[in-house]
Amino acid sequence: MRRGDRHCSDGIVDKWGNEIFSTPALQHSNAPIMPATRLRKRARSRYAFALYEVLIGVAIFAVGVIALGRAVENCLNASTISAEENVVRQILSDRMAQVQAASAVPEAERAFKIKTRYGRVTLTQKTAPAALTEPDNTLITGINLVTLTARWEHSGVPQSKQIQFYVYRSG
C-alpha cells in the first residue's frame, strides 16, 4: 500500500496521510461521536477532581509550612540556650581568673548572684584543701581544690554548670 491510498477494511474507510513523516494520520472513522451532555458531565467530574487535587496540595503545603515553623522555633530555642550557656561559661571563666590572680587563699565558701539578660545566675564557690600526695606518700600542702557552680533557670527548668581547678598558695 502506498501513501495517499485509501484502504477499506470491515466497512471503515481511512486514508493514510502523505506528510513529511511516515506516520499514518487517520482521516475518517466510523467511531460514534459522544453526545454533548456526556462531554459536559465528564468535564464537570474532571473539574471536581482538579478541586480535590488542589485541596490535597494546599493541605500538604500547610503541613510543610507548619513543620518549617516548628523547625525555626527549635533553632531559635537552641540559639537562646547556646547564648545562655556562653554567658554562664564566661561568668565561670571570669571568676576562675579572679581566684587564680588573687594572692590570698580562696575563701572556703562564697555565693554570688549575677544578673544577666537571660535571668539571674547564682554562682557558688567552694574551696577545700586538695589531699594530694607524692609517690612516696608525703602530703603536698598549699594546693586547694576550687569548685565553681553556676545555677540558673531556662523556661522554668533548672540548669547548672560546674568547673573544678587547683590553686597553689604557699604559706
N, C-alpha and C. Protein backbone atom coordinates (compact mmCIF):
# COMPACT_ATOMS: atom_id res chain seq x y z
N MET A 1 0.84 -1.16 0.00
CA MET A 1 0.00 0.00 0.00
C MET A 1 0.89 1.23 0.00
N ARG A 2 0.59 2.19 -0.85
CA ARG A 2 1.38 3.42 -0.94
C ARG A 2 0.73 4.52 -0.11
N ARG A 3 1.54 5.53 0.20
CA ARG A 3 0.99 6.67 0.91
C ARG A 3 -0.03 7.38 0.07
N GLY A 4 -1.09 7.86 0.71
CA GLY A 4 -2.12 8.58 -0.02
C GLY A 4 -3.22 7.68 -0.54
N ASP A 5 -3.05 6.37 -0.51
CA ASP A 5 -4.08 5.44 -0.98
C ASP A 5 -5.15 5.28 0.08
N ARG A 6 -6.35 4.99 -0.40
CA ARG A 6 -7.45 4.71 0.52
C ARG A 6 -7.48 3.22 0.75
N HIS A 7 -7.88 2.85 1.92
CA HIS A 7 -7.92 1.43 2.28
C HIS A 7 -9.27 1.14 2.90
N CYS A 8 -9.88 0.04 2.56
CA CYS A 8 -11.19 -0.31 3.09
C CYS A 8 -11.08 -1.65 3.78
N SER A 9 -11.46 -1.69 5.06
CA SER A 9 -11.48 -2.96 5.78
C SER A 9 -12.60 -2.92 6.78
N ASP A 10 -13.43 -3.93 6.82
CA ASP A 10 -14.57 -4.04 7.73
C ASP A 10 -15.49 -2.83 7.65
N GLY A 11 -15.67 -2.24 6.53
CA GLY A 11 -16.59 -1.14 6.35
C GLY A 11 -16.06 0.19 6.83
N ILE A 12 -14.79 0.25 7.22
CA ILE A 12 -14.20 1.51 7.69
C ILE A 12 -13.26 1.99 6.60
N VAL A 13 -13.46 3.20 6.18
CA VAL A 13 -12.59 3.77 5.16
C VAL A 13 -11.68 4.77 5.85
N ASP A 14 -10.42 4.61 5.64
CA ASP A 14 -9.49 5.58 6.20
C ASP A 14 -8.43 5.90 5.17
N LYS A 15 -7.81 7.03 5.31
CA LYS A 15 -6.80 7.47 4.37
C LYS A 15 -5.51 7.71 5.14
N TRP A 16 -4.44 7.20 4.62
CA TRP A 16 -3.15 7.40 5.25
C TRP A 16 -2.57 8.71 4.76
N GLY A 17 -2.05 9.51 5.68
CA GLY A 17 -1.55 10.84 5.33
C GLY A 17 -0.29 10.78 4.49
N ASN A 18 -0.12 11.80 3.65
CA ASN A 18 1.04 11.94 2.79
C ASN A 18 1.83 13.13 3.31
N GLU A 19 2.53 12.92 4.43
CA GLU A 19 3.23 14.02 5.09
C GLU A 19 4.72 13.77 5.07
N ILE A 20 5.45 14.65 5.68
CA ILE A 20 6.91 14.52 5.73
C ILE A 20 7.29 13.28 6.50
N PHE A 21 6.62 13.07 7.61
CA PHE A 21 6.92 11.89 8.42
C PHE A 21 6.11 10.72 7.88
N SER A 22 6.60 9.55 8.10
CA SER A 22 5.91 8.39 7.58
C SER A 22 4.90 7.83 8.58
N THR A 23 4.42 8.67 9.52
CA THR A 23 3.44 8.20 10.48
C THR A 23 2.05 8.35 9.88
N PRO A 24 1.20 7.39 10.08
CA PRO A 24 -0.12 7.47 9.48
C PRO A 24 -1.00 8.47 10.22
N ALA A 25 -1.88 9.13 9.50
CA ALA A 25 -2.84 10.06 10.09
C ALA A 25 -4.22 9.58 9.68
N LEU A 26 -5.04 9.27 10.65
CA LEU A 26 -6.38 8.76 10.39
C LEU A 26 -7.27 9.91 9.95
N GLN A 27 -7.86 9.79 8.75
CA GLN A 27 -8.68 10.85 8.19
C GLN A 27 -10.16 10.64 8.47
N HIS A 28 -10.61 9.40 8.54
CA HIS A 28 -12.04 9.14 8.69
C HIS A 28 -12.22 7.90 9.54
N SER A 29 -13.26 7.90 10.35
CA SER A 29 -13.54 6.73 11.18
C SER A 29 -15.03 6.65 11.40
N ASN A 30 -15.52 5.45 11.69
CA ASN A 30 -16.93 5.33 11.99
C ASN A 30 -17.18 5.22 13.50
N ALA A 31 -16.23 5.70 14.35
CA ALA A 31 -16.40 5.67 15.80
C ALA A 31 -17.53 6.61 16.18
N PRO A 32 -18.41 6.18 17.09
CA PRO A 32 -19.54 7.03 17.45
C PRO A 32 -19.08 8.30 18.14
N ILE A 33 -19.75 9.38 17.88
CA ILE A 33 -19.43 10.67 18.50
C ILE A 33 -20.17 10.74 19.82
N MET A 34 -19.48 11.21 20.86
CA MET A 34 -20.06 11.29 22.18
C MET A 34 -21.01 12.47 22.24
N PRO A 35 -22.22 12.29 22.76
CA PRO A 35 -23.16 13.40 22.86
C PRO A 35 -22.61 14.51 23.74
N ALA A 36 -23.07 15.75 23.53
CA ALA A 36 -22.58 16.93 24.23
C ALA A 36 -22.86 16.86 25.72
N THR A 37 -23.98 16.27 26.11
CA THR A 37 -24.30 16.20 27.55
C THR A 37 -23.31 15.33 28.29
N ARG A 38 -22.90 14.25 27.64
CA ARG A 38 -21.89 13.39 28.27
C ARG A 38 -20.57 14.14 28.43
N LEU A 39 -20.21 14.90 27.43
CA LEU A 39 -18.98 15.68 27.50
C LEU A 39 -19.02 16.67 28.66
N ARG A 40 -20.16 17.31 28.83
CA ARG A 40 -20.28 18.27 29.93
C ARG A 40 -20.17 17.59 31.28
N LYS A 41 -20.81 16.43 31.43
CA LYS A 41 -20.73 15.70 32.69
C LYS A 41 -19.29 15.27 32.97
N ARG A 42 -18.63 14.79 31.92
CA ARG A 42 -17.24 14.38 32.09
C ARG A 42 -16.36 15.58 32.44
N ALA A 43 -16.63 16.71 31.82
CA ALA A 43 -15.86 17.92 32.11
C ALA A 43 -16.08 18.34 33.56
N ARG A 44 -17.33 18.29 34.04
CA ARG A 44 -17.61 18.65 35.43
C ARG A 44 -16.88 17.72 36.40
N SER A 45 -16.87 16.44 36.12
CA SER A 45 -16.19 15.50 37.01
C SER A 45 -14.68 15.74 36.99
N ARG A 46 -14.15 16.16 35.87
CA ARG A 46 -12.72 16.50 35.81
C ARG A 46 -12.43 17.73 36.65
N TYR A 47 -13.33 18.73 36.61
CA TYR A 47 -13.12 19.93 37.43
C TYR A 47 -13.19 19.57 38.91
N ALA A 48 -14.11 18.71 39.28
CA ALA A 48 -14.22 18.29 40.67
C ALA A 48 -12.96 17.55 41.10
N PHE A 49 -12.43 16.72 40.23
CA PHE A 49 -11.19 16.02 40.55
C PHE A 49 -10.06 17.03 40.70
N ALA A 50 -10.03 18.06 39.87
CA ALA A 50 -9.00 19.08 39.97
C ALA A 50 -9.13 19.83 41.29
N LEU A 51 -10.37 20.05 41.75
CA LEU A 51 -10.58 20.72 43.02
C LEU A 51 -10.02 19.88 44.17
N TYR A 52 -10.26 18.57 44.15
CA TYR A 52 -9.69 17.70 45.17
C TYR A 52 -8.16 17.73 45.13
N GLU A 53 -7.61 17.75 43.93
CA GLU A 53 -6.15 17.83 43.82
C GLU A 53 -5.63 19.10 44.46
N VAL A 54 -6.32 20.21 44.20
CA VAL A 54 -5.89 21.49 44.78
C VAL A 54 -6.00 21.44 46.30
N LEU A 55 -7.10 20.90 46.81
CA LEU A 55 -7.28 20.82 48.26
C LEU A 55 -6.20 19.95 48.91
N ILE A 56 -5.88 18.84 48.28
CA ILE A 56 -4.82 17.97 48.81
C ILE A 56 -3.48 18.70 48.75
N GLY A 57 -3.23 19.41 47.65
CA GLY A 57 -1.98 20.16 47.53
C GLY A 57 -1.87 21.24 48.58
N VAL A 58 -2.97 21.96 48.85
CA VAL A 58 -2.96 23.00 49.88
C VAL A 58 -2.74 22.38 51.26
N ALA A 59 -3.34 21.22 51.52
CA ALA A 59 -3.15 20.55 52.81
C ALA A 59 -1.69 20.14 52.98
N ILE A 60 -1.09 19.59 51.96
CA ILE A 60 0.32 19.19 52.03
C ILE A 60 1.20 20.42 52.25
N PHE A 61 0.89 21.51 51.55
CA PHE A 61 1.64 22.75 51.71
C PHE A 61 1.51 23.27 53.14
N ALA A 62 0.28 23.22 53.70
CA ALA A 62 0.07 23.70 55.07
C ALA A 62 0.87 22.87 56.08
N VAL A 63 0.89 21.55 55.90
CA VAL A 63 1.67 20.70 56.79
C VAL A 63 3.16 21.04 56.68
N GLY A 64 3.62 21.30 55.48
CA GLY A 64 5.02 21.67 55.28
C GLY A 64 5.36 23.00 55.95
N VAL A 65 4.46 23.97 55.85
CA VAL A 65 4.70 25.28 56.48
C VAL A 65 4.71 25.14 58.00
N ILE A 66 3.81 24.34 58.54
CA ILE A 66 3.78 24.13 60.00
C ILE A 66 5.07 23.45 60.46
N ALA A 67 5.52 22.45 59.71
CA ALA A 67 6.77 21.76 60.06
C ALA A 67 7.95 22.72 59.98
N LEU A 68 7.97 23.56 58.97
CA LEU A 68 9.04 24.55 58.83
C LEU A 68 9.02 25.53 60.00
N GLY A 69 7.82 25.94 60.41
CA GLY A 69 7.70 26.86 61.54
C GLY A 69 8.23 26.25 62.82
N ARG A 70 7.93 24.98 63.03
CA ARG A 70 8.43 24.30 64.24
C ARG A 70 9.95 24.15 64.18
N ALA A 71 10.49 23.90 63.00
CA ALA A 71 11.94 23.79 62.86
C ALA A 71 12.61 25.12 63.18
N VAL A 72 12.02 26.21 62.71
CA VAL A 72 12.58 27.53 63.01
C VAL A 72 12.49 27.81 64.51
N GLU A 73 11.38 27.43 65.13
CA GLU A 73 11.23 27.61 66.57
C GLU A 73 12.29 26.82 67.34
N ASN A 74 12.55 25.59 66.92
CA ASN A 74 13.59 24.79 67.57
C ASN A 74 14.96 25.43 67.41
N CYS A 75 15.23 25.98 66.24
CA CYS A 75 16.52 26.65 66.02
C CYS A 75 16.66 27.88 66.92
N LEU A 76 15.58 28.64 67.06
CA LEU A 76 15.64 29.81 67.94
C LEU A 76 15.85 29.40 69.39
N ASN A 77 15.17 28.35 69.84
CA ASN A 77 15.37 27.86 71.21
C ASN A 77 16.81 27.39 71.42
N ALA A 78 17.34 26.67 70.44
CA ALA A 78 18.73 26.20 70.56
C ALA A 78 19.70 27.37 70.60
N SER A 79 19.43 28.41 69.82
CA SER A 79 20.30 29.59 69.84
C SER A 79 20.24 30.28 71.19
N THR A 80 19.06 30.38 71.78
CA THR A 80 18.91 31.01 73.09
C THR A 80 19.64 30.22 74.16
N ILE A 81 19.49 28.91 74.13
CA ILE A 81 20.17 28.05 75.11
C ILE A 81 21.68 28.18 74.95
N SER A 82 22.14 28.19 73.72
CA SER A 82 23.58 28.33 73.47
C SER A 82 24.09 29.67 73.98
N ALA A 83 23.33 30.73 73.76
CA ALA A 83 23.75 32.05 74.23
C ALA A 83 23.79 32.10 75.76
N GLU A 84 22.78 31.49 76.41
CA GLU A 84 22.77 31.43 77.87
C GLU A 84 24.00 30.68 78.39
N GLU A 85 24.29 29.55 77.78
CA GLU A 85 25.44 28.76 78.23
C GLU A 85 26.75 29.50 78.00
N ASN A 86 26.84 30.27 76.92
CA ASN A 86 28.05 31.07 76.69
C ASN A 86 28.21 32.13 77.77
N VAL A 87 27.11 32.75 78.17
CA VAL A 87 27.18 33.75 79.25
C VAL A 87 27.63 33.09 80.55
N VAL A 88 27.07 31.93 80.86
CA VAL A 88 27.43 31.22 82.10
C VAL A 88 28.90 30.78 82.04
N ARG A 89 29.34 30.28 80.89
CA ARG A 89 30.76 29.90 80.75
C ARG A 89 31.67 31.09 80.97
N GLN A 90 31.26 32.25 80.46
CA GLN A 90 32.07 33.46 80.63
C GLN A 90 32.10 33.87 82.10
N ILE A 91 30.97 33.76 82.80
CA ILE A 91 30.93 34.07 84.23
C ILE A 91 31.87 33.14 85.00
N LEU A 92 31.81 31.84 84.72
CA LEU A 92 32.70 30.88 85.39
C LEU A 92 34.16 31.17 85.07
N SER A 93 34.44 31.47 83.82
CA SER A 93 35.82 31.77 83.41
C SER A 93 36.34 33.02 84.10
N ASP A 94 35.51 34.06 84.19
CA ASP A 94 35.93 35.30 84.86
C ASP A 94 36.23 35.06 86.33
N ARG A 95 35.34 34.31 87.00
CA ARG A 95 35.56 34.05 88.43
C ARG A 95 36.81 33.19 88.64
N MET A 96 37.03 32.22 87.76
CA MET A 96 38.23 31.40 87.86
C MET A 96 39.48 32.27 87.70
N ALA A 97 39.48 33.20 86.78
CA ALA A 97 40.63 34.09 86.59
C ALA A 97 40.84 34.97 87.82
N GLN A 98 39.76 35.44 88.44
CA GLN A 98 39.89 36.26 89.65
C GLN A 98 40.51 35.47 90.79
N VAL A 99 40.04 34.22 90.97
CA VAL A 99 40.57 33.38 92.05
C VAL A 99 42.05 33.08 91.80
N GLN A 100 42.41 32.75 90.56
CA GLN A 100 43.80 32.43 90.26
C GLN A 100 44.71 33.64 90.37
N ALA A 101 44.19 34.82 90.07
CA ALA A 101 45.01 36.03 90.12
C ALA A 101 45.18 36.57 91.53
N ALA A 102 44.30 36.22 92.46
CA ALA A 102 44.38 36.72 93.83
C ALA A 102 45.59 36.11 94.54
N SER A 103 46.17 36.88 95.42
CA SER A 103 47.36 36.38 96.12
C SER A 103 46.99 35.62 97.39
N ALA A 104 45.80 35.83 97.90
CA ALA A 104 45.38 35.16 99.14
C ALA A 104 44.76 33.80 98.84
N VAL A 105 44.64 33.01 99.90
CA VAL A 105 43.98 31.70 99.77
C VAL A 105 42.50 31.95 99.52
N PRO A 106 41.88 31.25 98.56
CA PRO A 106 40.46 31.49 98.27
C PRO A 106 39.59 31.18 99.48
N GLU A 107 38.48 31.88 99.61
CA GLU A 107 37.55 31.68 100.73
C GLU A 107 36.96 30.28 100.67
N ALA A 108 36.60 29.74 101.85
CA ALA A 108 36.09 28.36 101.93
C ALA A 108 34.76 28.23 101.17
N GLU A 109 33.87 29.21 101.34
CA GLU A 109 32.60 29.15 100.62
C GLU A 109 32.10 30.57 100.41
N ARG A 110 31.60 30.79 99.20
CA ARG A 110 31.10 32.12 98.86
C ARG A 110 30.05 31.98 97.76
N ALA A 111 29.03 32.84 97.82
CA ALA A 111 27.97 32.80 96.80
C ALA A 111 27.80 34.18 96.18
N PHE A 112 27.53 34.20 94.90
CA PHE A 112 27.31 35.44 94.16
C PHE A 112 25.98 35.31 93.40
N LYS A 113 25.27 36.42 93.32
CA LYS A 113 24.07 36.46 92.48
C LYS A 113 24.36 37.46 91.37
N ILE A 114 24.37 36.95 90.14
CA ILE A 114 24.73 37.76 88.99
C ILE A 114 23.52 37.90 88.09
N LYS A 115 23.20 39.15 87.76
CA LYS A 115 22.05 39.41 86.89
C LYS A 115 22.54 39.45 85.44
N THR A 116 21.89 38.67 84.58
CA THR A 116 22.21 38.68 83.16
C THR A 116 20.95 38.99 82.38
N ARG A 117 21.08 39.18 81.09
CA ARG A 117 19.88 39.45 80.28
C ARG A 117 19.01 38.20 80.12
N TYR A 118 19.52 37.05 80.54
CA TYR A 118 18.75 35.80 80.49
C TYR A 118 18.17 35.43 81.85
N GLY A 119 18.38 36.27 82.83
CA GLY A 119 17.88 35.99 84.17
C GLY A 119 19.01 35.99 85.18
N ARG A 120 18.71 35.57 86.39
CA ARG A 120 19.69 35.57 87.46
C ARG A 120 20.48 34.27 87.46
N VAL A 121 21.80 34.39 87.63
CA VAL A 121 22.69 33.25 87.73
C VAL A 121 23.28 33.27 89.14
N THR A 122 23.16 32.15 89.84
CA THR A 122 23.75 32.03 91.18
C THR A 122 25.06 31.27 91.06
N LEU A 123 26.14 31.92 91.45
CA LEU A 123 27.48 31.33 91.36
C LEU A 123 27.93 30.98 92.77
N THR A 124 28.27 29.73 92.98
CA THR A 124 28.74 29.26 94.29
C THR A 124 30.19 28.82 94.16
N GLN A 125 31.01 29.33 95.08
CA GLN A 125 32.44 28.97 95.09
C GLN A 125 32.73 28.21 96.37
N LYS A 126 33.31 27.02 96.24
CA LYS A 126 33.71 26.22 97.40
C LYS A 126 35.18 25.87 97.25
N THR A 127 35.90 26.00 98.35
CA THR A 127 37.32 25.71 98.34
C THR A 127 37.62 24.71 99.45
N ALA A 128 38.43 23.72 99.11
CA ALA A 128 38.85 22.71 100.09
C ALA A 128 40.29 22.34 99.81
N PRO A 129 41.05 22.02 100.86
CA PRO A 129 42.44 21.59 100.63
C PRO A 129 42.46 20.30 99.81
N ALA A 130 43.31 20.28 98.82
CA ALA A 130 43.43 19.07 97.99
C ALA A 130 44.34 18.09 98.72
N ALA A 131 43.86 16.91 98.90
CA ALA A 131 44.65 15.88 99.60
C ALA A 131 45.50 15.15 98.57
N LEU A 132 46.53 15.83 98.09
CA LEU A 132 47.43 15.24 97.10
C LEU A 132 48.69 14.74 97.79
N THR A 133 49.18 13.62 97.33
CA THR A 133 50.41 13.04 97.92
C THR A 133 51.41 12.74 96.82
N GLU A 134 52.65 12.75 97.23
CA GLU A 134 53.75 12.37 96.33
C GLU A 134 53.77 10.84 96.23
N PRO A 135 54.54 10.28 95.27
CA PRO A 135 54.63 8.82 95.18
C PRO A 135 55.16 8.16 96.45
N ASP A 136 55.95 8.90 97.24
CA ASP A 136 56.47 8.32 98.50
C ASP A 136 55.55 8.63 99.68
N ASN A 137 54.29 8.99 99.42
CA ASN A 137 53.23 9.25 100.40
C ASN A 137 53.44 10.49 101.26
N THR A 138 54.21 11.46 100.81
CA THR A 138 54.30 12.73 101.53
C THR A 138 53.17 13.63 101.06
N LEU A 139 52.52 14.31 101.99
CA LEU A 139 51.39 15.18 101.70
C LEU A 139 51.88 16.49 101.10
N ILE A 140 51.24 16.89 100.02
CA ILE A 140 51.59 18.17 99.38
C ILE A 140 50.66 19.22 99.98
N THR A 141 51.24 20.27 100.52
CA THR A 141 50.44 21.32 101.16
C THR A 141 50.40 22.57 100.29
N GLY A 142 49.39 23.38 100.53
CA GLY A 142 49.28 24.65 99.82
C GLY A 142 48.45 24.57 98.55
N ILE A 143 47.98 23.39 98.18
CA ILE A 143 47.16 23.26 96.98
C ILE A 143 45.70 23.10 97.40
N ASN A 144 44.86 23.94 96.84
CA ASN A 144 43.42 23.92 97.15
C ASN A 144 42.63 23.56 95.89
N LEU A 145 41.57 22.81 96.09
CA LEU A 145 40.65 22.47 95.01
C LEU A 145 39.47 23.45 95.09
N VAL A 146 39.30 24.22 94.03
CA VAL A 146 38.21 25.20 93.97
C VAL A 146 37.14 24.67 93.04
N THR A 147 35.89 24.69 93.51
CA THR A 147 34.76 24.25 92.70
C THR A 147 33.82 25.44 92.51
N LEU A 148 33.58 25.79 91.25
CA LEU A 148 32.64 26.85 90.91
C LEU A 148 31.41 26.22 90.29
N THR A 149 30.23 26.55 90.83
CA THR A 149 28.98 26.01 90.31
C THR A 149 28.06 27.17 89.97
N ALA A 150 27.56 27.18 88.74
CA ALA A 150 26.61 28.20 88.30
C ALA A 150 25.25 27.53 88.13
N ARG A 151 24.22 28.18 88.70
CA ARG A 151 22.85 27.66 88.59
C ARG A 151 21.95 28.76 88.05
N TRP A 152 21.07 28.38 87.11
CA TRP A 152 20.11 29.32 86.54
C TRP A 152 18.92 28.52 86.02
N GLU A 153 17.90 29.23 85.57
CA GLU A 153 16.71 28.57 85.04
C GLU A 153 16.50 28.99 83.59
N HIS A 154 16.11 28.02 82.78
CA HIS A 154 15.72 28.28 81.39
C HIS A 154 14.31 27.73 81.20
N SER A 155 13.35 28.61 80.98
CA SER A 155 11.94 28.24 80.80
C SER A 155 11.43 27.43 81.99
N GLY A 156 11.84 27.82 83.19
CA GLY A 156 11.38 27.14 84.39
C GLY A 156 12.11 25.86 84.73
N VAL A 157 13.07 25.45 83.89
CA VAL A 157 13.82 24.22 84.12
C VAL A 157 15.19 24.60 84.70
N PRO A 158 15.55 24.06 85.87
CA PRO A 158 16.85 24.40 86.46
C PRO A 158 18.01 23.85 85.62
N GLN A 159 19.02 24.70 85.45
CA GLN A 159 20.23 24.34 84.69
C GLN A 159 21.43 24.60 85.60
N SER A 160 22.53 23.89 85.32
CA SER A 160 23.74 24.15 86.10
C SER A 160 24.98 23.74 85.30
N LYS A 161 26.08 24.41 85.62
CA LYS A 161 27.40 24.09 85.06
C LYS A 161 28.40 24.20 86.20
N GLN A 162 29.42 23.34 86.12
CA GLN A 162 30.39 23.31 87.22
C GLN A 162 31.79 23.12 86.65
N ILE A 163 32.75 23.82 87.25
CA ILE A 163 34.16 23.59 86.91
C ILE A 163 34.95 23.44 88.20
N GLN A 164 36.02 22.67 88.13
CA GLN A 164 36.94 22.49 89.27
C GLN A 164 38.36 22.76 88.78
N PHE A 165 39.13 23.40 89.65
CA PHE A 165 40.53 23.67 89.31
C PHE A 165 41.34 23.78 90.60
N TYR A 166 42.65 23.65 90.45
CA TYR A 166 43.56 23.71 91.61
C TYR A 166 44.20 25.08 91.67
N VAL A 167 44.41 25.55 92.91
CA VAL A 167 45.10 26.82 93.15
C VAL A 167 46.19 26.54 94.19
N TYR A 168 47.41 27.01 93.88
CA TYR A 168 48.52 26.82 94.81
C TYR A 168 48.82 28.15 95.49
N ARG A 169 48.84 28.12 96.81
CA ARG A 169 49.24 29.29 97.61
C ARG A 169 50.20 28.79 98.68
N SER A 170 51.38 29.32 98.65
CA SER A 170 52.37 28.90 99.66
C SER A 170 52.05 29.61 100.96
N GLY A 171 52.31 28.99 102.03
CA GLY A 171 52.04 29.70 103.26
C GLY A 171 51.88 28.84 104.39
